[in-house]
C-alpha atoms as a PDB file:
ATOM      1  CA  MET A   1      12.731  -1.265  14.672  1.00  0.00           C
ATOM      2  CA  ARG A   2      12.574  -1.548  11.100  1.00  0.00           C
ATOM      3  CA  ASP A   3      15.940  -0.585   8.889  1.00  0.00           C
ATOM      4  CA  ARG A   4      15.662   2.690   7.327  1.00  0.00           C
ATOM      5  CA  ALA A   5      18.434   1.672   4.382  1.00  0.00           C
ATOM      6  CA  HIS A   6      15.904  -1.142   3.890  1.00  0.00           C
ATOM      7  CA  ASP A   7      13.144   1.110   3.609  1.00  0.00           C
ATOM      8  CA  ASP A   8      14.792   3.517   1.145  1.00  0.00           C
ATOM      9  CA  ALA A   9      16.217   0.713  -1.052  1.00  0.00           C
ATOM     10  CA  MET A  10      12.445  -0.893  -1.241  1.00  0.00           C
ATOM     11  CA  ALA A  11      11.585   3.034  -2.334  1.00  0.00           C
ATOM     12  CA  GLU A  12      14.039   3.121  -5.181  1.00  0.00           C
ATOM     13  CA  VAL A  13      12.815   0.133  -6.298  1.00  0.00           C
ATOM     14  CA  PHE A  14       9.101   0.564  -6.206  1.00  0.00           C
ATOM     15  CA  ARG A  15      10.253   4.210  -8.185  1.00  0.00           C
ATOM     16  CA  LYS A  16      11.498   2.079 -10.574  1.00  0.00           C
ATOM     17  CA  ASP A  17       9.343  -0.402 -11.301  1.00  0.00           C
ATOM     18  CA  PRO A  18       5.820   0.092 -10.250  1.00  0.00           C
ATOM     19  CA  ALA A  19       5.034  -3.220 -11.781  1.00  0.00           C
ATOM     20  CA  TYR A  20       7.015  -4.914  -9.247  1.00  0.00           C
ATOM     21  CA  ALA A  21       5.058  -3.214  -6.464  1.00  0.00           C
ATOM     22  CA  VAL A  22       1.724  -4.244  -8.084  1.00  0.00           C
ATOM     23  CA  GLU A  23       2.926  -7.838  -8.057  1.00  0.00           C
ATOM     24  CA  LEU A  24       3.960  -7.512  -4.194  1.00  0.00           C
ATOM     25  CA  LEU A  25       0.563  -5.906  -2.839  1.00  0.00           C
ATOM     26  CA  ASN A  26      -1.564  -8.400  -4.206  1.00  0.00           C
ATOM     27  CA  ASN A  27       1.145 -10.849  -3.101  1.00  0.00           C
ATOM     28  CA  ILE A  28       0.963  -9.924   0.199  1.00  0.00           C
ATOM     29  CA  LEU A  29      -3.296  -9.568   0.203  1.00  0.00           C
ATOM     30  CA  GLU A  30      -3.228 -12.644  -1.291  1.00  0.00           C
ATOM     31  CA  ASP A  31      -1.999 -13.871   1.901  1.00  0.00           C
ATOM     32  CA  GLY A  32      -3.819 -11.732   4.155  1.00  0.00           C
ATOM     33  CA  GLU A  33      -1.027 -10.419   6.251  1.00  0.00           C
ATOM     34  CA  GLN A  34      -1.995  -6.656   7.424  1.00  0.00           C
ATOM     35  CA  GLY A  35       1.634  -6.375   9.427  1.00  0.00           C
ATOM     36  CA  GLU A  36       3.338  -6.550   5.631  1.00  0.00           C
ATOM     37  CA  MET A  37       0.714  -4.626   4.033  1.00  0.00           C
ATOM     38  CA  LEU A  38       1.474  -1.756   6.114  1.00  0.00           C
ATOM     39  CA  ILE A  39       5.120  -2.237   5.660  1.00  0.00           C
ATOM     40  CA  ALA A  40       4.874  -2.268   2.175  1.00  0.00           C
ATOM     41  CA  LEU A  41       2.694   1.019   1.709  1.00  0.00           C
ATOM     42  CA  ARG A  42       4.675   2.817   4.187  1.00  0.00           C
ATOM     43  CA  GLN A  43       7.733   2.266   1.485  1.00  0.00           C
ATOM     44  CA  MET A  44       5.721   3.002  -1.290  1.00  0.00           C
ATOM     45  CA  THR A  45       4.621   6.239   0.181  1.00  0.00           C
ATOM     46  CA  LYS A  46       8.205   7.434   0.803  1.00  0.00           C
ATOM     47  CA  ALA A  47       8.437   6.164  -3.449  1.00  0.00           C
ATOM     48  CA  PHE A  48       6.051   8.701  -3.778  1.00  0.00           C
ATOM     49  CA  GLY A  49       7.386  11.743  -2.650  1.00  0.00           C
ATOM     50  CA  GLY A  50       6.957  10.918   1.389  1.00  0.00           C
ATOM     51  CA  VAL A  51       4.011  10.989   3.724  1.00  0.00           C
ATOM     52  CA  ALA A  52       3.101  14.971   3.763  1.00  0.00           C
ATOM     53  CA  LYS A  53       2.842  14.711  -0.447  1.00  0.00           C
ATOM     54  CA  VAL A  54       0.662  11.664  -0.259  1.00  0.00           C
ATOM     55  CA  ALA A  55      -1.246  12.993   2.737  1.00  0.00           C
ATOM     56  CA  GLU A  56      -1.722  16.018   0.630  1.00  0.00           C
ATOM     57  CA  GLN A  57      -2.937  14.373  -2.569  1.00  0.00           C
ATOM     58  CA  ALA A  58      -5.102  11.666  -0.864  1.00  0.00           C
ATOM     59  CA  GLN A  59      -6.614  14.777   0.849  1.00  0.00           C
ATOM     60  CA  LEU A  60      -5.963  13.326   4.692  1.00  0.00           C
ATOM     61  CA  ASN A  61      -4.327  14.190   7.431  1.00  0.00           C
ATOM     62  CA  GLY A  62      -0.129  13.350   7.766  1.00  0.00           C
ATOM     63  CA  THR A  63      -0.762  12.460  10.971  1.00  0.00           C
ATOM     64  CA  HIS A  64      -3.323  10.349   9.931  1.00  0.00           C
ATOM     65  CA  ILE A  65      -1.269   8.468   7.149  1.00  0.00           C
ATOM     66  CA  TYR A  66       1.708   7.926   9.551  1.00  0.00           C
ATOM     67  CA  ARG A  67      -1.134   6.532  12.137  1.00  0.00           C
ATOM     68  CA  THR A  68      -2.678   4.330   9.423  1.00  0.00           C
ATOM     69  CA  LEU A  69       0.744   2.619   8.089  1.00  0.00           C
ATOM     70  CA  SER A  70       1.873   2.090  11.487  1.00  0.00           C
ATOM     71  CA  ALA A  71       2.504  -1.542  12.805  1.00  0.00           C
ATOM     72  CA  ASN A  72      -0.314  -0.852  14.924  1.00  0.00           C
ATOM     73  CA  GLY A  73      -2.105   0.616  12.263  1.00  0.00           C
ATOM     74  CA  ASN A  74      -6.064  -0.939  10.968  1.00  0.00           C
ATOM     75  CA  PRO A  75      -6.563   1.517   8.002  1.00  0.00           C
ATOM     76  CA  GLU A  76     -10.005   2.094   6.892  1.00  0.00           C
ATOM     77  CA  ILE A  77     -11.180   1.252   3.424  1.00  0.00           C
ATOM     78  CA  ARG A  78     -11.542   4.983   2.815  1.00  0.00           C
ATOM     79  CA  SER A  79      -8.052   5.919   3.791  1.00  0.00           C
ATOM     80  CA  LEU A  80      -6.392   3.059   2.261  1.00  0.00           C
ATOM     81  CA  THR A  81      -8.436   4.094  -0.758  1.00  0.00           C
ATOM     82  CA  ALA A  82      -7.671   7.374  -1.218  1.00  0.00           C
ATOM     83  CA  ILE A  83      -3.860   6.473  -0.117  1.00  0.00           C
ATOM     84  CA  LEU A  84      -3.584   3.813  -3.179  1.00  0.00           C
ATOM     85  CA  LYS A  85      -5.356   6.349  -5.528  1.00  0.00           C
ATOM     86  CA  THR A  86      -2.575   8.694  -5.129  1.00  0.00           C
ATOM     87  CA  MET A  87       0.089   6.504  -6.714  1.00  0.00           C
ATOM     88  CA  GLY A  88      -1.975   5.541  -9.470  1.00  0.00           C
ATOM     89  CA  LEU A  89      -3.525   2.076  -7.541  1.00  0.00           C
ATOM     90  CA  ARG A  90      -6.920   1.105  -6.127  1.00  0.00           C
ATOM     91  CA  LEU A  91      -7.808  -1.846  -4.518  1.00  0.00           C
ATOM     92  CA  ALA A  92     -10.519  -4.425  -6.742  1.00  0.00           C
ATOM     93  CA  VAL A  93     -12.273  -7.666  -5.633  1.00  0.00           C
ATOM     94  CA  GLN A  94     -11.289 -10.676  -8.214  1.00  0.00           C
ATOM     95  CA  PRO A  95     -12.532 -14.463  -8.084  1.00  0.00           C
ATOM     96  CA  ILE A  96     -10.466 -16.825  -6.098  1.00  0.00           C
ATOM     97  CA  ARG A  97     -11.117 -19.104  -9.146  1.00  0.00           C
ATOM     98  CA  SER A  98     -13.081 -19.040 -12.083  1.00  0.00           C
ATOM     99  CA  PRO A  99     -16.516 -19.177 -11.333  1.00  0.00           C
ATOM    100  CA  GLU A 100     -18.260 -22.555 -11.888  1.00  0.00           C
ATOM    101  CA  VAL A 101     -21.666 -23.253 -13.865  1.00  0.00           C
ATOM    102  CA  HIS A 102     -24.773 -23.910 -12.065  1.00  0.00           C
ATOM    103  CA  ALA A 103     -27.299 -25.676 -13.775  1.00  0.00           C
END
């Protein structure tokens, strides 16, 4: 069971320092830990007014967001994109390293 006080504290951090939230999400994406990503997104959802508000702005059902961001969630790109958009964020693809010039 997750610690509610920790979730509240992280939501406050994300509200005060959105750049930290971006850095954290990018680090999690780099590591490929889906469970950690879902936890961070749940905490960020709280920072952005809660599930009901994010669901309304993302034009998704609140129950769908709860399920998507649950410990066993498996978010679709469409849902993830909509949730991130309400937070002023987007998914992006970047090269792992500089592309090599091929002759």
